Amino acid sequence: GDRPRDAAFLEDAVRLLRGAGYTAFDGAPPAQAEHG
């Protein structure tokens, strides 16, 4: 991340980690149980 090109790529890659949340369940496991 200290290299300019790499920093720009990692900034784009942050988009892959957007949308995190919490999922409660009681009974069947949630359809989406993963953390990417």
All heavy atoms as atom14 arrays in JSON, in Angstrom:
{
  "sequence": "GDRPRDAAFLEDAVRLLRGAGYTAFDGAPPAQAEHG",
  "atom14_mask": [
    [1, 1, 1, 1, 0, 0, 0, 0, 0, 0, 0, 0, 0, 0],
    [1, 1, 1, 1, 1, 1, 1, 1, 0, 0, 0, 0, 0, 0],
    [1, 1, 1, 1, 1, 1, 1, 1, 1, 1, 1, 0, 0, 0],
    [1, 1, 1, 1, 1, 1, 1, 0, 0, 0, 0, 0, 0, 0],
    [1, 1, 1, 1, 1, 1, 1, 1, 1, 1, 1, 0, 0, 0],
    [1, 1, 1, 1, 1, 1, 1, 1, 0, 0, 0, 0, 0, 0],
    [1, 1, 1, 1, 1, 0, 0, 0, 0, 0, 0, 0, 0, 0],
    [1, 1, 1, 1, 1, 0, 0, 0, 0, 0, 0, 0, 0, 0],
    [1, 1, 1, 1, 1, 1, 1, 1, 1, 1, 1, 0, 0, 0],
    [1, 1, 1, 1, 1, 1, 1, 1, 0, 0, 0, 0, 0, 0],
    [1, 1, 1, 1, 1, 1, 1, 1, 1, 0, 0, 0, 0, 0],
    [1, 1, 1, 1, 1, 1, 1, 1, 0, 0, 0, 0, 0, 0],
    [1, 1, 1, 1, 1, 0, 0, 0, 0, 0, 0, 0, 0, 0],
    [1, 1, 1, 1, 1, 1, 1, 0, 0, 0, 0, 0, 0, 0],
    [1, 1, 1, 1, 1, 1, 1, 1, 1, 1, 1, 0, 0, 0],
    [1, 1, 1, 1, 1, 1, 1, 1, 0, 0, 0, 0, 0, 0],
    [1, 1, 1, 1, 1, 1, 1, 1, 0, 0, 0, 0, 0, 0],
    [1, 1, 1, 1, 1, 1, 1, 1, 1, 1, 1, 0, 0, 0],
    [1, 1, 1, 1, 0, 0, 0, 0, 0, 0, 0, 0, 0, 0],
    [1, 1, 1, 1, 1, 0, 0, 0, 0, 0, 0, 0, 0, 0],
    [1, 1, 1, 1, 0, 0, 0, 0, 0, 0, 0, 0, 0, 0],
    [1, 1, 1, 1, 1, 1, 1, 1, 1, 1, 1, 1, 0, 0],
    [1, 1, 1, 1, 1, 1, 1, 0, 0, 0, 0, 0, 0, 0],
    [1, 1, 1, 1, 1, 0, 0, 0, 0, 0, 0, 0, 0, 0],
    [1, 1, 1, 1, 1, 1, 1, 1, 1, 1, 1, 0, 0, 0],
    [1, 1, 1, 1, 1, 1, 1, 1, 0, 0, 0, 0, 0, 0],
    [1, 1, 1, 1, 0, 0, 0, 0, 0, 0, 0, 0, 0, 0],
    [1, 1, 1, 1, 1, 0, 0, 0, 0, 0, 0, 0, 0, 0],
    [1, 1, 1, 1, 1, 1, 1, 0, 0, 0, 0, 0, 0, 0],
    [1, 1, 1, 1, 1, 1, 1, 0, 0, 0, 0, 0, 0, 0],
    [1, 1, 1, 1, 1, 0, 0, 0, 0, 0, 0, 0, 0, 0],
    [1, 1, 1, 1, 1, 1, 1, 1, 1, 0, 0, 0, 0, 0],
    [1, 1, 1, 1, 1, 0, 0, 0, 0, 0, 0, 0, 0, 0],
    [1, 1, 1, 1, 1, 1, 1, 1, 1, 0, 0, 0, 0, 0],
    [1, 1, 1, 1, 1, 1, 1, 1, 1, 1, 0, 0, 0, 0],
    [1, 1, 1, 1, 0, 0, 0, 0, 0, 0, 0, 0, 0, 0]
  ],
  "atom14_positions": [
    [[0.79, -1.23, 0.0], [0.0, 0.0, 0.0], [0.81, 1.27, 0.0], [0.26, 2.36, -0.2], [0.0, 0.0, 0.0], [0.0, 0.0, 0.0], [0.0, 0.0, 0.0], [0.0, 0.0, 0.0], [0.0, 0.0, 0.0], [0.0, 0.0, 0.0], [0.0, 0.0, 0.0], [0.0, 0.0, 0.0], [0.0, 0.0, 0.0], [0.0, 0.0, 0.0]],
    [[2.12, 1.17, 0.21], [2.97, 2.37, 0.15], [3.37, 2.73, -1.28], [3.9, 3.81, -1.52], [4.24, 2.17, 0.99], [3.96, 2.36, 2.48], [3.09, 3.19, 2.81], [4.6, 1.69, 3.3], [0.0, 0.0, 0.0], [0.0, 0.0, 0.0], [0.0, 0.0, 0.0], [0.0, 0.0, 0.0], [0.0, 0.0, 0.0], [0.0, 0.0, 0.0]],
    [[3.15, 1.8, -2.23], [3.45, 2.09, -3.63], [2.22, 2.7, -4.29], [1.11, 2.18, -4.11], [3.88, 0.82, -4.37], [5.21, 0.25, -3.88], [5.77, -0.75, -4.89], [4.95, -1.94, -4.99], [5.23, -3.11, -4.41], [6.32, -3.23, -3.68], [4.43, -4.15, -4.58], [0.0, 0.0, 0.0], [0.0, 0.0, 0.0], [0.0, 0.0, 0.0]],
    [[2.37, 3.79, -5.04], [1.2, 4.48, -5.58], [0.26, 3.59, -6.4], [-0.95, 3.62, -6.2], [1.83, 5.58, -6.46], [3.13, 5.87, -5.79], [3.62, 4.53, -5.29], [0.0, 0.0, 0.0], [0.0, 0.0, 0.0], [0.0, 0.0, 0.0], [0.0, 0.0, 0.0], [0.0, 0.0, 0.0], [0.0, 0.0, 0.0], [0.0, 0.0, 0.0]],
    [[0.8, 2.79, -7.32], [-0.08, 1.93, -8.13], [-0.82, 0.93, -7.26], [-2.0, 0.68, -7.45], [0.74, 1.19, -9.19], [1.25, 2.05, -10.32], [1.8, 1.18, -11.43], [2.71, 0.15, -10.92], [3.15, -0.89, -11.61], [2.75, -1.07, -12.86], [3.98, -1.76, -11.08], [0.0, 0.0, 0.0], [0.0, 0.0, 0.0], [0.0, 0.0, 0.0]],
    [[-0.08, 0.32, -6.32], [-0.71, -0.66, -5.45], [-1.77, 0.0, -4.57], [-2.84, -0.58, -4.32], [0.34, -1.34, -4.56], [1.28, -2.23, -5.35], [1.17, -2.23, -6.59], [2.12, -2.92, -4.74], [0.0, 0.0, 0.0], [0.0, 0.0, 0.0], [0.0, 0.0, 0.0], [0.0, 0.0, 0.0], [0.0, 0.0, 0.0], [0.0, 0.0, 0.0]],
    [[-1.48, 1.21, -4.08], [-2.45, 1.91, -3.23], [-3.74, 2.17, -3.99], [-4.85, 2.03, -3.44], [-1.85, 3.21, -2.72], [0.0, 0.0, 0.0], [0.0, 0.0, 0.0], [0.0, 0.0, 0.0], [0.0, 0.0, 0.0], [0.0, 0.0, 0.0], [0.0, 0.0, 0.0], [0.0, 0.0, 0.0], [0.0, 0.0, 0.0], [0.0, 0.0, 0.0]],
    [[-3.62, 2.55, -5.25], [-4.82, 2.79, -6.05], [-5.63, 1.52, -6.26], [-6.86, 1.52, -6.18], [-4.42, 3.39, -7.4], [0.0, 0.0, 0.0], [0.0, 0.0, 0.0], [0.0, 0.0, 0.0], [0.0, 0.0, 0.0], [0.0, 0.0, 0.0], [0.0, 0.0, 0.0], [0.0, 0.0, 0.0], [0.0, 0.0, 0.0], [0.0, 0.0, 0.0]],
    [[-4.93, 0.4, -6.51], [-5.63, -0.87, -6.68], [-6.34, -1.28, -5.39], [-7.5, -1.71, -5.4], [-4.64, -1.96, -7.09], [-5.27, -3.32, -7.2], [-5.98, -3.67, -8.34], [-5.18, -4.24, -6.18], [-6.57, -4.92, -8.45], [-5.77, -5.49, -6.27], [-6.47, -5.83, -7.41], [0.0, 0.0, 0.0], [0.0, 0.0, 0.0], [0.0, 0.0, 0.0]],
    [[-5.64, -1.15, -4.25], [-6.24, -1.52, -2.97], [-7.44, -0.65, -2.64], [-8.41, -1.1, -2.03], [-5.19, -1.44, -1.85], [-4.07, -2.47, -1.94], [-2.97, -2.17, -0.94], [-4.6, -3.89, -1.73], [0.0, 0.0, 0.0], [0.0, 0.0, 0.0], [0.0, 0.0, 0.0], [0.0, 0.0, 0.0], [0.0, 0.0, 0.0], [0.0, 0.0, 0.0]],
    [[-7.38, 0.61, -3.05], [-8.53, 1.49, -2.85], [-9.74, 0.97, -3.63], [-10.87, 0.98, -3.13], [-8.18, 2.9, -3.31], [-9.15, 3.96, -2.83], [-8.95, 4.32, -1.37], [-7.88, 4.03, -0.81], [-9.89, 4.89, -0.79], [0.0, 0.0, 0.0], [0.0, 0.0, 0.0], [0.0, 0.0, 0.0], [0.0, 0.0, 0.0], [0.0, 0.0, 0.0]],
    [[-9.51, 0.48, -4.84], [-10.59, -0.14, -5.61], [-11.07, -1.43, -4.94], [-12.26, -1.74, -4.93], [-10.13, -0.44, -7.04], [-10.12, 0.79, -7.93], [-10.93, 1.7, -7.66], [-9.3, 0.86, -8.85], [0.0, 0.0, 0.0], [0.0, 0.0, 0.0], [0.0, 0.0, 0.0], [0.0, 0.0, 0.0], [0.0, 0.0, 0.0], [0.0, 0.0, 0.0]],
    [[-10.13, -2.19, -4.37], [-10.47, -3.48, -3.77], [-11.32, -3.33, -2.51], [-12.02, -4.27, -2.12], [-9.2, -4.26, -3.44], [0.0, 0.0, 0.0], [0.0, 0.0, 0.0], [0.0, 0.0, 0.0], [0.0, 0.0, 0.0], [0.0, 0.0, 0.0], [0.0, 0.0, 0.0], [0.0, 0.0, 0.0], [0.0, 0.0, 0.0], [0.0, 0.0, 0.0]],
    [[-11.27, -2.16, -1.89], [-12.11, -1.92, -0.7], [-13.58, -2.15, -1.02], [-14.36, -2.56, -0.16], [-11.87, -0.49, -0.17], [-12.91, -0.13, 0.89], [-10.47, -0.37, 0.42], [0.0, 0.0, 0.0], [0.0, 0.0, 0.0], [0.0, 0.0, 0.0], [0.0, 0.0, 0.0], [0.0, 0.0, 0.0], [0.0, 0.0, 0.0], [0.0, 0.0, 0.0]],
    [[-13.94, -1.93, -2.27], [-15.35, -2.13, -2.66], [-15.81, -3.57, -2.44], [-17.0, -3.82, -2.25], [-15.53, -1.76, -4.13], [-15.22, -0.31, -4.44], [-15.28, -0.03, -5.93], [-14.9, 1.34, -6.26], [-14.8, 1.81, -7.48], [-15.07, 1.03, -8.52], [-14.45, 3.06, -7.69], [0.0, 0.0, 0.0], [0.0, 0.0, 0.0], [0.0, 0.0, 0.0]],
    [[-14.87, -4.51, -2.48], [-15.24, -5.91, -2.27], [-15.68, -6.17, -0.83], [-16.31, -7.2, -0.55], [-14.04, -6.82, -2.59], [-13.47, -6.74, -4.01], [-12.32, -7.72, -4.16], [-14.55, -7.03, -5.05], [0.0, 0.0, 0.0], [0.0, 0.0, 0.0], [0.0, 0.0, 0.0], [0.0, 0.0, 0.0], [0.0, 0.0, 0.0], [0.0, 0.0, 0.0]],
    [[-15.32, -5.27, 0.09], [-15.62, -5.48, 1.5], [-16.74, -4.57, 2.0], [-16.97, -4.47, 3.21], [-14.35, -5.24, 2.35], [-13.18, -6.17, 2.03], [-11.99, -5.84, 2.92], [-13.58, -7.63, 2.19], [0.0, 0.0, 0.0], [0.0, 0.0, 0.0], [0.0, 0.0, 0.0], [0.0, 0.0, 0.0], [0.0, 0.0, 0.0], [0.0, 0.0, 0.0]],
    [[-17.42, -3.92, 1.09], [-18.55, -3.08, 1.49], [-19.81, -3.92, 1.6], [-19.99, -4.87, 0.86], [-18.74, -1.94, 0.49], [-17.64, -0.89, 0.57], [-17.78, 0.16, -0.5], [-16.67, 1.12, -0.43], [-16.34, 1.95, -1.39], [-17.04, 1.95, -2.52], [-15.32, 2.77, -1.25], [0.0, 0.0, 0.0], [0.0, 0.0, 0.0], [0.0, 0.0, 0.0]],
    [[-20.67, -3.54, 2.54], [-21.92, -4.26, 2.71], [-21.92, -5.26, 3.84], [-22.81, -6.1, 3.94], [0.0, 0.0, 0.0], [0.0, 0.0, 0.0], [0.0, 0.0, 0.0], [0.0, 0.0, 0.0], [0.0, 0.0, 0.0], [0.0, 0.0, 0.0], [0.0, 0.0, 0.0], [0.0, 0.0, 0.0], [0.0, 0.0, 0.0], [0.0, 0.0, 0.0]],
    [[-20.92, -5.15, 4.75], [-20.89, -6.06, 5.91], [-22.04, -5.73, 6.85], [-22.46, -4.58, 6.97], [-19.55, -5.95, 6.63], [0.0, 0.0, 0.0], [0.0, 0.0, 0.0], [0.0, 0.0, 0.0], [0.0, 0.0, 0.0], [0.0, 0.0, 0.0], [0.0, 0.0, 0.0], [0.0, 0.0, 0.0], [0.0, 0.0, 0.0], [0.0, 0.0, 0.0]],
    [[-22.53, -6.75, 7.51], [-23.62, -6.56, 8.46], [-23.65, -7.69, 9.46], [-22.73, -8.52, 9.55], [0.0, 0.0, 0.0], [0.0, 0.0, 0.0], [0.0, 0.0, 0.0], [0.0, 0.0, 0.0], [0.0, 0.0, 0.0], [0.0, 0.0, 0.0], [0.0, 0.0, 0.0], [0.0, 0.0, 0.0], [0.0, 0.0, 0.0], [0.0, 0.0, 0.0]],
    [[-24.72, -7.73, 10.24], [-24.93, -8.8, 11.21], [-26.18, -9.57, 10.82], [-27.18, -8.97, 10.39], [-25.11, -8.22, 12.62], [-23.85, -7.64, 13.21], [-23.44, -6.34, 12.9], [-23.06, -8.38, 14.09], [-22.28, -5.8, 13.43], [-21.91, -7.84, 14.63], [-21.53, -6.56, 14.3], [-20.38, -6.02, 14.83], [0.0, 0.0, 0.0], [0.0, 0.0, 0.0]],
    [[-26.13, -10.88, 10.96], [-27.27, -11.73, 10.6], [-27.62, -12.62, 11.78], [-26.82, -13.47, 12.19], [-26.95, -12.6, 9.38], [-26.61, -11.76, 8.27], [-28.14, -13.47, 9.01], [0.0, 0.0, 0.0], [0.0, 0.0, 0.0], [0.0, 0.0, 0.0], [0.0, 0.0, 0.0], [0.0, 0.0, 0.0], [0.0, 0.0, 0.0], [0.0, 0.0, 0.0]],
    [[-28.8, -12.4, 12.35], [-29.3, -13.24, 13.45], [-30.13, -14.38, 12.87], [-30.8, -14.21, 11.84], [-30.14, -12.41, 14.41], [0.0, 0.0, 0.0], [0.0, 0.0, 0.0], [0.0, 0.0, 0.0], [0.0, 0.0, 0.0], [0.0, 0.0, 0.0], [0.0, 0.0, 0.0], [0.0, 0.0, 0.0], [0.0, 0.0, 0.0], [0.0, 0.0, 0.0]],
    [[-30.07, -15.53, 13.5], [-30.88, -16.67, 13.05], [-31.25, -17.53, 14.25], [-30.54, -17.57, 15.25], [-30.14, -17.49, 12.0], [-28.87, -18.16, 12.51], [-28.87, -19.5, 12.86], [-27.69, -17.44, 12.64], [-27.73, -20.13, 13.32], [-26.54, -18.06, 13.1], [-26.55, -19.4, 13.44], [0.0, 0.0, 0.0], [0.0, 0.0, 0.0], [0.0, 0.0, 0.0]],
    [[-32.36, -18.19, 14.15], [-32.84, -19.09, 15.21], [-33.64, -20.19, 14.52], [-34.79, -20.02, 14.15], [-33.7, -18.33, 16.21], [-33.9, -19.1, 17.51], [-33.68, -20.33, 17.51], [-34.28, -18.48, 18.52], [0.0, 0.0, 0.0], [0.0, 0.0, 0.0], [0.0, 0.0, 0.0], [0.0, 0.0, 0.0], [0.0, 0.0, 0.0], [0.0, 0.0, 0.0]],
    [[-32.98, -21.32, 14.28], [-33.59, -22.42, 13.53], [-32.7, -22.75, 12.35], [-31.53, -23.08, 12.52], [0.0, 0.0, 0.0], [0.0, 0.0, 0.0], [0.0, 0.0, 0.0], [0.0, 0.0, 0.0], [0.0, 0.0, 0.0], [0.0, 0.0, 0.0], [0.0, 0.0, 0.0], [0.0, 0.0, 0.0], [0.0, 0.0, 0.0], [0.0, 0.0, 0.0]],
    [[-33.24, -22.62, 11.16], [-32.44, -22.91, 9.96], [-31.33, -21.88, 9.81], [-31.51, -20.7, 10.12], [-33.33, -22.91, 8.73], [0.0, 0.0, 0.0], [0.0, 0.0, 0.0], [0.0, 0.0, 0.0], [0.0, 0.0, 0.0], [0.0, 0.0, 0.0], [0.0, 0.0, 0.0], [0.0, 0.0, 0.0], [0.0, 0.0, 0.0], [0.0, 0.0, 0.0]],
    [[-30.15, -22.28, 9.34], [-29.07, -21.32, 9.13], [-29.45, -20.33, 8.06], [-30.25, -20.63, 7.17], [-27.88, -22.2, 8.7], [-28.5, -23.45, 8.17], [-29.76, -23.66, 8.97], [0.0, 0.0, 0.0], [0.0, 0.0, 0.0], [0.0, 0.0, 0.0], [0.0, 0.0, 0.0], [0.0, 0.0, 0.0], [0.0, 0.0, 0.0], [0.0, 0.0, 0.0]],
    [[-28.91, -19.12, 8.1], [-29.25, -18.12, 7.08], [-28.77, -18.55, 5.7], [-27.77, -19.27, 5.57], [-28.52, -16.87, 7.56], [-27.42, -17.37, 8.44], [-27.93, -18.61, 9.07], [0.0, 0.0, 0.0], [0.0, 0.0, 0.0], [0.0, 0.0, 0.0], [0.0, 0.0, 0.0], [0.0, 0.0, 0.0], [0.0, 0.0, 0.0], [0.0, 0.0, 0.0]],
    [[-29.46, -18.11, 4.69], [-29.08, -18.45, 3.32], [-27.69, -17.92, 2.99], [-26.93, -18.54, 2.26], [-30.11, -17.89, 2.34], [0.0, 0.0, 0.0], [0.0, 0.0, 0.0], [0.0, 0.0, 0.0], [0.0, 0.0, 0.0], [0.0, 0.0, 0.0], [0.0, 0.0, 0.0], [0.0, 0.0, 0.0], [0.0, 0.0, 0.0], [0.0, 0.0, 0.0]],
    [[-27.35, -16.74, 3.53], [-26.03, -16.16, 3.32], [-25.35, -16.07, 4.69], [-25.59, -15.17, 5.48], [-26.16, -14.78, 2.68], [-24.97, -13.86, 2.65], [-23.6, -14.47, 2.51], [-23.39, -15.46, 1.82], [-22.65, -13.88, 3.2], [0.0, 0.0, 0.0], [0.0, 0.0, 0.0], [0.0, 0.0, 0.0], [0.0, 0.0, 0.0], [0.0, 0.0, 0.0]],
    [[-24.52, -17.08, 4.98], [-23.85, -17.15, 6.28], [-22.37, -16.79, 6.21], [-21.67, -16.83, 7.21], [-23.98, -18.57, 6.86], [0.0, 0.0, 0.0], [0.0, 0.0, 0.0], [0.0, 0.0, 0.0], [0.0, 0.0, 0.0], [0.0, 0.0, 0.0], [0.0, 0.0, 0.0], [0.0, 0.0, 0.0], [0.0, 0.0, 0.0], [0.0, 0.0, 0.0]],
    [[-21.9, -16.43, 5.02], [-20.46, -16.21, 4.81], [-20.05, -14.78, 5.13], [-20.86, -13.85, 5.07], [-20.11, -16.49, 3.34], [-20.47, -17.88, 2.86], [-19.51, -18.93, 3.36], [-18.3, -18.78, 3.15], [-19.98, -19.9, 3.98], [0.0, 0.0, 0.0], [0.0, 0.0, 0.0], [0.0, 0.0, 0.0], [0.0, 0.0, 0.0], [0.0, 0.0, 0.0]],
    [[-18.77, -14.63, 5.42], [-18.14, -13.32, 5.44], [-17.06, -13.35, 4.36], [-16.06, -14.05, 4.48], [-17.52, -13.01, 6.8], [-17.07, -11.59, 6.94], [-16.02, -11.07, 6.22], [-17.53, -10.56, 7.72], [-15.85, -9.79, 6.54], [-16.76, -9.46, 7.45], [0.0, 0.0, 0.0], [0.0, 0.0, 0.0], [0.0, 0.0, 0.0], [0.0, 0.0, 0.0]],
    [[-17.31, -12.59, 3.29], [-16.41, -12.63, 2.14], [-14.99, -12.23, 2.47], [-14.04, -12.7, 1.84], [0.0, 0.0, 0.0], [0.0, 0.0, 0.0], [0.0, 0.0, 0.0], [0.0, 0.0, 0.0], [0.0, 0.0, 0.0], [0.0, 0.0, 0.0], [0.0, 0.0, 0.0], [0.0, 0.0, 0.0], [0.0, 0.0, 0.0], [0.0, 0.0, 0.0]]
  ]
}
